[in-house]
Amino acid sequence: MQFHPSRSAALEQLQAFVDNHLSLYARDRNFDFGPDQRTNTSCLSPYVTHGILSENEIIKLSLKKFSYTKIEKFIQEVLWRIYWKGWLERRPSVWTDFINDLKYLKPDYESDKNLKAAMNGNTDIDCFNDWVHELKETGYLHNHTRMWFSSIWIFTLNLPWQLGAEFFMKYLKDGDPASNTLSWRWTAGVQTKGKHYLAQEWNIKKFTNGRYEKIKLNENATPVVSDKEYIQIDPDFTNSQITNDQTLIIFDNQLSFEHSDFKDTEFKNIMLIQNTNLTRTIELDDELVKFKRGLIEDQQQRLQDHIETEIRDISYLKNLGLTDKVALYPGVGENLDYCLHNQINLSFLYRRLDQTTNPYCKKGFFNFKNYIPKIISKMNG
């Protein structure tokens, strides 16, 4: 599976999936047939993570061809990421604790043979080894496989979930602070306390279409224990005032400005921000860095004939006067961390979709699901 860093490639992938494979998504989505057979899932997540495609675009195009009841499961999966992001915005300390945990854990595991074997795909578990190599080579794993992978990492290889979440973020082209961190917490049993996910040999065999069998797993492990409770906040997603003499700052999570809520707003110029490994806590693989850079350059090319657009490293913001600047909100994660740690006090603009959905992220996803028809109606409003 190859991901070309452009909006045109994303649109082509979306159209092909909707036309040819969406109708069977609910039936086939849990099967991982291998990296060369990905037609049973959309493979759009790398583009959604970077805002190349919006959830609105995906859902609207899908509903033009199929009824809501026909593709309800697909729409739910598209909005899972929105839910995770909203949940984390209400509990940002979960992300902060994850980053801090890494700082304490990594020195203790620096020479751990078990960790090295896992990261090199050199364990006694063939399927896990294959997934490590696939992750490194493609920057992608099937969602069901991510669940198996994380369960094996935590409960069979006895490694901290935090190091596994970091490993994913290093390579995944769709690596998202909310989805990735909270999914690993869910597998471990600390997201929904006492409820963990245990990979089972029969399940892997069935949903890899018999590619793997006789897998030695710990299928009786108990959940990871955490007594930490997080106080929920009510984030203020009120947009800052906009004037036509402002510079708009865009991070790497909203790279389709010309299709955004603010596309009709006149800005003086646009500044696209890249966050390289020099300014990140979690070091990214070189191929992922290139992918992100390619997406940023693609956005610049699409904009530069209409508005002055430049690319800058995030460190440039430290010495930049901010009185005439406004930014599309980057969300909880490394970009926002850098701004906060360096006292870069930006004024933010928020997506209507996030403003609409965040109040529904107070509880679990099953509660969130009840509001999906209302969310869709507001997309069309």
Foldseek 3Di string as FASTA:
>chain_A
DADFQALVSLVVLLVCLLVPAQLCLVVQQLFDQDPVDDSSDSPNLLCQQQQSDDLLVSVVVNCVRDPCVSRVVVNLVSCVVLLLQLLCVQFVVLLVVLLVVCVVVCVVCVPPPLVVCQLCLNDPFNVSSVVNVCQQVHLDDRPNVVLANLQCVCFVSPHDLSVVLLSNCQRHSNNDSRVSSLSSCQQQCNNPHFHHDHDDQVSNCVRNVNPDHPGDGDRPDTHDDDPDDTHTDDDDQDADDDDQAAEEEEERRNLQCCPAPCNPHHHQAYEYEDEAQVQFSRHHDPVSSVSSVSNNVNSCVVPVVPGHYYYDYLVVLLPDDAPRYAYADPGSDRSVVSCVVSVNDHGYHYGPLSVVQSVQNNDDSVSSSVCVVVSSVVSVD
